């Protein structure tokens, strides 16, 4: 078996079918479901007979969840895709080529992620220049860090030319919900890593995040959309550092 695709999912009934429909080039599809309460599992079963579903609680640890999928994968190569991401035909053809060519001596590949937000491609802000290591040989490395996890692959790593399409945050409410959830996980992970918050960090880091996204990373070229995104990224920073301060306060009180 050459290629396994692993998808992490939770309550993705609106996305999972379209995601799986683009994975016909994979020999195996694994869905690691974080106890979805909607019809995610049913949609998976209906979408592709090759789809294997494992129910496993995330428990705030994305690296552990991805490593679980990595362990279950039978393919020589493993591709990680999120439910709100789509693989284009150009990208799938490129992946077939690089994973089948014995003359290439790479253990993994970075893939550029092209974000679509509210019907527009994001070329700027931090979302406009994201490269993710998502394709690698099984056994070449493990995922690290509970939040903002990274795949630490040993050996030579290359870059694919075609992007993966990311349809993020269907609306503002979902964006805010995701920010709230991720900032909580981020605060807990930072606390466990020994990082600490302070008044200076709560005040100035969100401001720095806004300046970075809107001015340095040219979010202003997206107009109002770029301003909204930059504010939301700053708000995520504010929540993460504030929640970390609350964790410190509660732990010290106990």
C-alpha atoms as a PDB file:
ATOM      1  CA  UNK A   1       0.000   0.000   0.000  1.00  0.00           C
ATOM      2  CA  UNK A   2       1.494   3.315  -1.091  1.00  0.00           C
ATOM      3  CA  UNK A   3      -0.552   6.178   0.388  1.00  0.00           C
ATOM      4  CA  UNK A   4      -2.818   6.564   3.423  1.00  0.00           C
ATOM      5  CA  UNK A   5      -4.791   9.730   4.139  1.00  0.00           C
ATOM      6  CA  UNK A   6      -5.623  10.600   7.757  1.00  0.00           C
ATOM      7  CA  UNK A   7      -8.411  13.061   8.605  1.00  0.00           C
ATOM      8  CA  UNK A   8      -9.075  14.465  12.074  1.00  0.00           C
ATOM      9  CA  UNK A   9     -12.754  15.273  12.525  1.00  0.00           C
ATOM     10  CA  UNK A  10     -15.303  16.516  15.023  1.00  0.00           C
ATOM     11  CA  UNK A  11     -18.827  17.534  13.997  1.00  0.00           C
ATOM     12  CA  UNK A  12     -17.843  17.916  10.349  1.00  0.00           C
ATOM     13  CA  UNK A  13     -21.017  16.629   8.678  1.00  0.00           C
ATOM     14  CA  UNK A  14     -21.067  19.663   6.355  1.00  0.00           C
ATOM     15  CA  UNK A  15     -17.462  19.188   5.200  1.00  0.00           C
ATOM     16  CA  UNK A  16     -16.454  15.545   5.422  1.00  0.00           C
ATOM     17  CA  UNK A  17     -18.177  14.240   2.277  1.00  0.00           C
ATOM     18  CA  UNK A  18     -16.574  16.825  -0.018  1.00  0.00           C
ATOM     19  CA  UNK A  19     -13.221  16.248   1.662  1.00  0.00           C
ATOM     20  CA  UNK A  20     -13.312  12.482   1.122  1.00  0.00           C
ATOM     21  CA  UNK A  21     -14.581  12.811  -2.456  1.00  0.00           C
ATOM     22  CA  UNK A  22     -11.211  14.345  -3.447  1.00  0.00           C
ATOM     23  CA  UNK A  23      -9.191  11.430  -2.036  1.00  0.00           C
ATOM     24  CA  UNK A  24      -9.774   8.796  -4.720  1.00  0.00           C
ATOM     25  CA  UNK A  25      -6.008   8.678  -5.344  1.00  0.00           C
ATOM     26  CA  UNK A  26      -5.345   7.363  -1.817  1.00  0.00           C
ATOM     27  CA  UNK A  27      -5.149   3.639  -1.094  1.00  0.00           C
ATOM     28  CA  UNK A  28      -6.547   4.027   2.425  1.00  0.00           C
ATOM     29  CA  UNK A  29      -8.591   6.693   4.224  1.00  0.00           C
ATOM     30  CA  UNK A  30      -8.646   6.912   8.025  1.00  0.00           C
ATOM     31  CA  UNK A  31     -10.965   9.249   9.927  1.00  0.00           C
ATOM     32  CA  UNK A  32     -10.065   9.860  13.567  1.00  0.00           C
ATOM     33  CA  UNK A  33     -13.345  11.081  15.019  1.00  0.00           C
ATOM     34  CA  UNK A  34     -13.374  13.091  18.243  1.00  0.00           C
ATOM     35  CA  UNK A  35     -16.786  11.863  19.457  1.00  0.00           C
ATOM     36  CA  UNK A  36     -18.865  13.799  16.934  1.00  0.00           C
ATOM     37  CA  UNK A  37     -22.460  14.459  17.960  1.00  0.00           C
ATOM     38  CA  UNK A  38     -23.702  15.104  14.416  1.00  0.00           C
ATOM     39  CA  UNK A  39     -23.758  12.857  11.330  1.00  0.00           C
ATOM     40  CA  UNK A  40     -20.018  12.946  10.621  1.00  0.00           C
ATOM     41  CA  UNK A  41     -19.550   9.189  11.044  1.00  0.00           C
ATOM     42  CA  UNK A  42     -22.587   8.340   8.897  1.00  0.00           C
ATOM     43  CA  UNK A  43     -21.395  10.671   6.121  1.00  0.00           C
ATOM     44  CA  UNK A  44     -17.965   9.016   6.202  1.00  0.00           C
ATOM     45  CA  UNK A  45     -19.451   5.554   5.777  1.00  0.00           C
ATOM     46  CA  UNK A  46     -21.597   6.747   2.869  1.00  0.00           C
ATOM     47  CA  UNK A  47     -18.761   8.588   1.123  1.00  0.00           C
ATOM     48  CA  UNK A  48     -16.195   5.845   0.479  1.00  0.00           C
ATOM     49  CA  UNK A  49     -16.042   2.120   1.216  1.00  0.00           C
ATOM     50  CA  UNK A  50     -12.300   2.439   1.914  1.00  0.00           C
ATOM     51  CA  UNK A  51     -12.977   4.798   4.802  1.00  0.00           C
ATOM     52  CA  UNK A  52     -12.044   3.406   8.227  1.00  0.00           C
ATOM     53  CA  UNK A  53     -13.323   5.255  11.278  1.00  0.00           C
ATOM     54  CA  UNK A  54     -11.648   5.332  14.679  1.00  0.00           C
ATOM     55  CA  UNK A  55     -13.436   7.053  17.556  1.00  0.00           C
ATOM     56  CA  UNK A  56     -10.933   8.679  19.899  1.00  0.00           C
ATOM     57  CA  UNK A  57     -11.188  11.676  22.220  1.00  0.00           C
ATOM     58  CA  UNK A  58      -8.909  14.570  21.323  1.00  0.00           C
ATOM     59  CA  UNK A  59      -8.423  15.673  24.937  1.00  0.00           C
ATOM     60  CA  UNK A  60      -6.817  18.895  23.740  1.00  0.00           C
ATOM     61  CA  UNK A  61      -3.828  17.100  22.202  1.00  0.00           C
ATOM     62  CA  UNK A  62      -3.687  17.368  18.413  1.00  0.00           C
ATOM     63  CA  UNK A  63      -0.221  15.798  18.180  1.00  0.00           C
ATOM     64  CA  UNK A  64      -1.363  12.683  20.034  1.00  0.00           C
ATOM     65  CA  UNK A  65      -4.428  12.417  17.784  1.00  0.00           C
ATOM     66  CA  UNK A  66      -2.321  12.670  14.629  1.00  0.00           C
ATOM     67  CA  UNK A  67       0.240  10.182  15.953  1.00  0.00           C
ATOM     68  CA  UNK A  68      -2.612   7.749  16.622  1.00  0.00           C
ATOM     69  CA  UNK A  69      -3.615   8.035  12.965  1.00  0.00           C
ATOM     70  CA  UNK A  70       0.002   7.672  11.925  1.00  0.00           C
ATOM     71  CA  UNK A  71       0.256   4.439  13.901  1.00  0.00           C
ATOM     72  CA  UNK A  72      -2.902   3.015  12.304  1.00  0.00           C
ATOM     73  CA  UNK A  73      -1.879   3.911   8.749  1.00  0.00           C
ATOM     74  CA  UNK A  74      -0.737   1.026   6.554  1.00  0.00           C
ATOM     75  CA  UNK A  75       0.619   3.064   3.659  1.00  0.00           C
ATOM     76  CA  UNK A  76       4.283   3.691   2.956  1.00  0.00           C
ATOM     77  CA  UNK A  77       3.389   7.383   2.779  1.00  0.00           C
ATOM     78  CA  UNK A  78       0.903   9.261   4.986  1.00  0.00           C
ATOM     79  CA  UNK A  79      -1.037  12.403   4.080  1.00  0.00           C
ATOM     80  CA  UNK A  80      -2.838  14.494   6.713  1.00  0.00           C
ATOM     81  CA  UNK A  81      -5.878  16.493   5.635  1.00  0.00           C
ATOM     82  CA  UNK A  82      -8.392  18.463   7.703  1.00  0.00           C
ATOM     83  CA  UNK A  83     -12.101  18.092   6.982  1.00  0.00           C
ATOM     84  CA  UNK A  84     -12.375  21.675   5.708  1.00  0.00           C
ATOM     85  CA  UNK A  85      -9.508  21.205   3.246  1.00  0.00           C
ATOM     86  CA  UNK A  86      -9.707  20.047  -0.371  1.00  0.00           C
ATOM     87  CA  UNK A  87      -7.138  18.305  -2.564  1.00  0.00           C
ATOM     88  CA  UNK A  88      -7.132  19.530  -6.165  1.00  0.00           C
ATOM     89  CA  UNK A  89      -6.476  17.196  -9.089  1.00  0.00           C
ATOM     90  CA  UNK A  90      -3.180  18.975  -9.762  1.00  0.00           C
ATOM     91  CA  UNK A  91      -2.032  18.390  -6.183  1.00  0.00           C
ATOM     92  CA  UNK A  92      -3.116  14.747  -6.140  1.00  0.00           C
ATOM     93  CA  UNK A  93      -1.263  14.094  -9.416  1.00  0.00           C
ATOM     94  CA  UNK A  94       1.846  15.700  -7.945  1.00  0.00           C
ATOM     95  CA  UNK A  95       1.607  13.579  -4.784  1.00  0.00           C
ATOM     96  CA  UNK A  96       1.185  10.394  -6.807  1.00  0.00           C
ATOM     97  CA  UNK A  97       4.309  11.316  -8.763  1.00  0.00           C
ATOM     98  CA  UNK A  98       6.572  12.105  -5.802  1.00  0.00           C
ATOM     99  CA  UNK A  99       5.464   9.100  -3.731  1.00  0.00           C
ATOM    100  CA  UNK A 100       5.960   6.684  -6.629  1.00  0.00           C
ATOM    101  CA  UNK A 101       9.318   7.892  -7.958  1.00  0.00           C
ATOM    102  CA  UNK A 102      12.196   5.846  -6.441  1.00  0.00           C
ATOM    103  CA  UNK A 103      14.779   8.355  -7.695  1.00  0.00           C
ATOM    104  CA  UNK A 104      13.496  11.035  -5.303  1.00  0.00           C
ATOM    105  CA  UNK A 105      15.108  10.872  -1.884  1.00  0.00           C
ATOM    106  CA  UNK A 106      12.730  12.942   0.219  1.00  0.00           C
ATOM    107  CA  UNK A 107      11.139  11.795   3.467  1.00  0.00           C
ATOM    108  CA  UNK A 108       8.448  14.459   3.467  1.00  0.00           C
ATOM    109  CA  UNK A 109       6.929  17.424   1.653  1.00  0.00           C
ATOM    110  CA  UNK A 110       5.589  20.822   2.635  1.00  0.00           C
ATOM    111  CA  UNK A 111       2.333  21.895   1.006  1.00  0.00           C
ATOM    112  CA  UNK A 112       1.225  25.522   0.694  1.00  0.00           C
ATOM    113  CA  UNK A 113      -2.260  26.105   2.070  1.00  0.00           C
ATOM    114  CA  UNK A 114      -4.485  28.472   0.115  1.00  0.00           C
ATOM    115  CA  UNK A 115      -7.139  29.895   2.418  1.00  0.00           C
ATOM    116  CA  UNK A 116     -10.614  30.861   1.239  1.00  0.00           C
ATOM    117  CA  UNK A 117     -12.542  32.990   3.701  1.00  0.00           C
ATOM    118  CA  UNK A 118     -16.026  34.310   2.960  1.00  0.00           C
ATOM    119  CA  UNK A 119     -15.728  33.624  -0.783  1.00  0.00           C
ATOM    120  CA  UNK A 120     -12.348  35.286  -1.243  1.00  0.00           C
ATOM    121  CA  UNK A 121      -8.818  33.914  -1.522  1.00  0.00           C
ATOM    122  CA  UNK A 122      -6.572  35.197   1.247  1.00  0.00           C
ATOM    123  CA  UNK A 123      -3.258  36.286  -0.230  1.00  0.00           C
ATOM    124  CA  UNK A 124      -2.199  38.348   2.766  1.00  0.00           C
ATOM    125  CA  UNK A 125      -2.192  38.238   6.610  1.00  0.00           C
ATOM    126  CA  UNK A 126      -0.615  35.217   8.315  1.00  0.00           C
ATOM    127  CA  UNK A 127      -3.153  32.993   6.541  1.00  0.00           C
ATOM    128  CA  UNK A 128      -1.796  33.999   3.150  1.00  0.00           C
ATOM    129  CA  UNK A 129       1.620  32.370   3.428  1.00  0.00           C
ATOM    130  CA  UNK A 130       1.211  29.086   5.280  1.00  0.00           C
ATOM    131  CA  UNK A 131       3.295  26.036   4.371  1.00  0.00           C
ATOM    132  CA  UNK A 132       2.510  22.821   6.228  1.00  0.00           C
ATOM    133  CA  UNK A 133       4.397  19.541   6.366  1.00  0.00           C
ATOM    134  CA  UNK A 134       1.491  17.204   5.621  1.00  0.00           C
ATOM    135  CA  UNK A 135       2.947  14.428   3.444  1.00  0.00           C
ATOM    136  CA  UNK A 136       5.716  12.142   4.698  1.00  0.00           C
ATOM    137  CA  UNK A 137       6.913   8.582   4.839  1.00  0.00           C
ATOM    138  CA  UNK A 138       5.538   6.557   7.700  1.00  0.00           C
ATOM    139  CA  UNK A 139       8.258   6.145  10.306  1.00  0.00           C
ATOM    140  CA  UNK A 140      10.069   9.333   9.281  1.00  0.00           C
ATOM    141  CA  UNK A 141       8.931  11.250  12.342  1.00  0.00           C
ATOM    142  CA  UNK A 142       6.232  12.041  14.890  1.00  0.00           C
ATOM    143  CA  UNK A 143       3.956  14.968  15.600  1.00  0.00           C
ATOM    144  CA  UNK A 144       4.945  17.263  18.484  1.00  0.00           C
ATOM    145  CA  UNK A 145       3.096  19.896  20.580  1.00  0.00           C
ATOM    146  CA  UNK A 146      -0.500  19.645  21.703  1.00  0.00           C
ATOM    147  CA  UNK A 147      -1.627  22.826  19.927  1.00  0.00           C
ATOM    148  CA  UNK A 148      -0.167  24.290  16.718  1.00  0.00           C
ATOM    149  CA  UNK A 149       1.313  20.845  16.273  1.00  0.00           C
ATOM    150  CA  UNK A 150       4.224  20.179  13.902  1.00  0.00           C
ATOM    151  CA  UNK A 151       5.394  17.008  12.170  1.00  0.00           C
ATOM    152  CA  UNK A 152       9.086  16.580  12.947  1.00  0.00           C
ATOM    153  CA  UNK A 153      10.326  14.550   9.992  1.00  0.00           C
ATOM    154  CA  UNK A 154      13.909  13.358   9.856  1.00  0.00           C
ATOM    155  CA  UNK A 155      15.872  13.542   6.638  1.00  0.00           C
ATOM    156  CA  UNK A 156      15.400  15.523   3.444  1.00  0.00           C
ATOM    157  CA  UNK A 157      12.153  17.481   3.061  1.00  0.00           C
ATOM    158  CA  UNK A 158      10.887  19.060  -0.158  1.00  0.00           C
ATOM    159  CA  UNK A 159       8.099  21.388  -1.316  1.00  0.00           C
ATOM    160  CA  UNK A 160       5.139  20.608  -3.561  1.00  0.00           C
ATOM    161  CA  UNK A 161       4.117  23.168  -6.173  1.00  0.00           C
ATOM    162  CA  UNK A 162       0.325  22.956  -5.948  1.00  0.00           C
ATOM    163  CA  UNK A 163      -1.615  24.178  -2.889  1.00  0.00           C
ATOM    164  CA  UNK A 164      -4.174  22.512  -0.677  1.00  0.00           C
ATOM    165  CA  UNK A 165      -7.442  24.458  -0.565  1.00  0.00           C
ATOM    166  CA  UNK A 166      -8.706  25.483   2.879  1.00  0.00           C
ATOM    167  CA  UNK A 167     -12.320  26.652   3.339  1.00  0.00           C
ATOM    168  CA  UNK A 168     -12.042  28.135   6.807  1.00  0.00           C
ATOM    169  CA  UNK A 169     -14.750  29.578   9.062  1.00  0.00           C
ATOM    170  CA  UNK A 170     -18.069  29.553   7.222  1.00  0.00           C
ATOM    171  CA  UNK A 171     -19.214  32.642   9.132  1.00  0.00           C
ATOM    172  CA  UNK A 172     -18.140  35.081  11.828  1.00  0.00           C
ATOM    173  CA  UNK A 173     -19.860  33.092  14.589  1.00  0.00           C
ATOM    174  CA  UNK A 174     -17.857  29.985  13.709  1.00  0.00           C
ATOM    175  CA  UNK A 175     -14.666  32.039  13.554  1.00  0.00           C
ATOM    176  CA  UNK A 176     -15.295  33.360  17.078  1.00  0.00           C
ATOM    177  CA  UNK A 177     -16.186  29.903  18.377  1.00  0.00           C
ATOM    178  CA  UNK A 178     -12.960  28.468  16.944  1.00  0.00           C
ATOM    179  CA  UNK A 179     -10.936  31.308  18.464  1.00  0.00           C
ATOM    180  CA  UNK A 180     -12.488  30.674  21.866  1.00  0.00           C
ATOM    181  CA  UNK A 181     -11.812  26.927  21.731  1.00  0.00           C
ATOM    182  CA  UNK A 182      -8.278  27.184  20.355  1.00  0.00           C
ATOM    183  CA  UNK A 183      -7.248  29.947  22.757  1.00  0.00           C
ATOM    184  CA  UNK A 184      -8.282  27.709  25.670  1.00  0.00           C
ATOM    185  CA  UNK A 185      -6.184  24.832  24.342  1.00  0.00           C
ATOM    186  CA  UNK A 186      -3.320  27.216  23.603  1.00  0.00           C
ATOM    187  CA  UNK A 187      -3.372  28.593  27.161  1.00  0.00           C
ATOM    188  CA  UNK A 188      -3.335  25.110  28.694  1.00  0.00           C
ATOM    189  CA  UNK A 189      -0.482  23.990  26.437  1.00  0.00           C
ATOM    190  CA  UNK A 190       1.542  27.107  27.254  1.00  0.00           C
ATOM    191  CA  UNK A 191       1.026  26.553  30.976  1.00  0.00           C
ATOM    192  CA  UNK A 192       2.207  22.945  30.746  1.00  0.00           C
ATOM    193  CA  UNK A 193       5.276  24.102  28.786  1.00  0.00           C
ATOM    194  CA  UNK A 194       6.186  26.490  31.606  1.00  0.00           C
ATOM    195  CA  UNK A 195       5.204  29.705  29.835  1.00  0.00           C
ATOM    196  CA  UNK A 196       3.640  32.460  31.918  1.00  0.00           C
ATOM    197  CA  UNK A 197       1.449  35.450  31.154  1.00  0.00           C
ATOM    198  CA  UNK A 198       1.753  39.026  32.401  1.00  0.00           C
ATOM    199  CA  UNK A 199       0.052  42.397  32.073  1.00  0.00           C
ATOM    200  CA  UNK A 200       2.593  43.442  29.449  1.00  0.00           C
ATOM    201  CA  UNK A 201       1.909  40.354  27.339  1.00  0.00           C
ATOM    202  CA  UNK A 202      -1.867  40.751  27.628  1.00  0.00           C
ATOM    203  CA  UNK A 203      -1.653  44.413  26.554  1.00  0.00           C
ATOM    204  CA  UNK A 204       1.065  44.426  23.913  1.00  0.00           C
ATOM    205  CA  UNK A 205       1.130  40.999  22.246  1.00  0.00           C
ATOM    206  CA  UNK A 206      -2.363  41.385  20.747  1.00  0.00           C
ATOM    207  CA  UNK A 207      -1.363  44.813  19.432  1.00  0.00           C
ATOM    208  CA  UNK A 208       1.771  43.322  17.892  1.00  0.00           C
ATOM    209  CA  UNK A 209      -0.330  40.556  16.338  1.00  0.00           C
ATOM    210  CA  UNK A 210      -2.645  43.128  14.724  1.00  0.00           C
ATOM    211  CA  UNK A 211       0.249  45.211  13.393  1.00  0.00           C
ATOM    212  CA  UNK A 212       1.915  42.091  12.010  1.00  0.00           C
ATOM    213  CA  UNK A 213      -1.205  40.902  10.175  1.00  0.00           C
ATOM    214  CA  UNK A 214      -2.651  44.197   8.974  1.00  0.00           C
ATOM    215  CA  UNK A 215       0.495  46.147   8.116  1.00  0.00           C
ATOM    216  CA  UNK A 216       3.547  43.878   7.878  1.00  0.00           C
ATOM    217  CA  UNK A 217       1.719  40.962   6.243  1.00  0.00           C
ATOM    218  CA  UNK A 218      -0.363  43.407   4.174  1.00  0.00           C
ATOM    219  CA  UNK A 219      -3.821  42.475   5.398  1.00  0.00           C
ATOM    220  CA  UNK A 220      -4.786  46.069   4.585  1.00  0.00           C
ATOM    221  CA  UNK A 221      -4.811  45.062   0.894  1.00  0.00           C
ATOM    222  CA  UNK A 222      -7.891  42.947   1.656  1.00  0.00           C
ATOM    223  CA  UNK A 223      -9.718  46.051   2.867  1.00  0.00           C
ATOM    224  CA  UNK A 224     -12.424  45.525   5.491  1.00  0.00           C
ATOM    225  CA  UNK A 225     -11.961  41.748   5.290  1.00  0.00           C
ATOM    226  CA  UNK A 226      -8.269  42.106   6.109  1.00  0.00           C
ATOM    227  CA  UNK A 227      -9.043  44.443   9.002  1.00  0.00           C
ATOM    228  CA  UNK A 228     -11.602  42.017  10.472  1.00  0.00           C
ATOM    229  CA  UNK A 229      -9.183  39.085  10.178  1.00  0.00           C
ATOM    230  CA  UNK A 230      -6.350  41.065  11.779  1.00  0.00           C
ATOM    231  CA  UNK A 231      -8.591  42.096  14.687  1.00  0.00           C
ATOM    232  CA  UNK A 232      -9.717  38.497  15.206  1.00  0.00           C
ATOM    233  CA  UNK A 233      -6.136  37.221  15.212  1.00  0.00           C
ATOM    234  CA  UNK A 234      -5.278  39.874  17.798  1.00  0.00           C
ATOM    235  CA  UNK A 235      -8.340  38.835  19.812  1.00  0.00           C
ATOM    236  CA  UNK A 236      -7.114  35.232  19.776  1.00  0.00           C
ATOM    237  CA  UNK A 237      -3.791  36.421  21.209  1.00  0.00           C
ATOM    238  CA  UNK A 238      -5.597  38.454  23.881  1.00  0.00           C
ATOM    239  CA  UNK A 239      -7.745  35.476  24.917  1.00  0.00           C
ATOM    240  CA  UNK A 240      -4.832  33.037  24.979  1.00  0.00           C
ATOM    241  CA  UNK A 241      -2.681  35.241  27.228  1.00  0.00           C
ATOM    242  CA  UNK A 242      -5.639  36.205  29.448  1.00  0.00           C
ATOM    243  CA  UNK A 243      -6.693  32.580  29.899  1.00  0.00           C
ATOM    244  CA  UNK A 244      -3.101  31.665  30.720  1.00  0.00           C
ATOM    245  CA  UNK A 245      -3.082  34.364  33.419  1.00  0.00           C
ATOM    246  CA  UNK A 246      -6.307  32.923  34.862  1.00  0.00           C
ATOM    247  CA  UNK A 247      -4.745  29.456  34.900  1.00  0.00           C
ATOM    248  CA  UNK A 248      -1.750  30.811  36.799  1.00  0.00           C
ATOM    249  CA  UNK A 249      -4.033  32.576  39.276  1.00  0.00           C
ATOM    250  CA  UNK A 250      -6.199  29.511  39.899  1.00  0.00           C
ATOM    251  CA  UNK A 251      -3.256  27.124  40.249  1.00  0.00           C
ATOM    252  CA  UNK A 252      -1.424  29.412  42.672  1.00  0.00           C
ATOM    253  CA  UNK A 253      -4.601  29.753  44.763  1.00  0.00           C
ATOM    254  CA  UNK A 254      -4.778  25.970  45.089  1.00  0.00           C
END
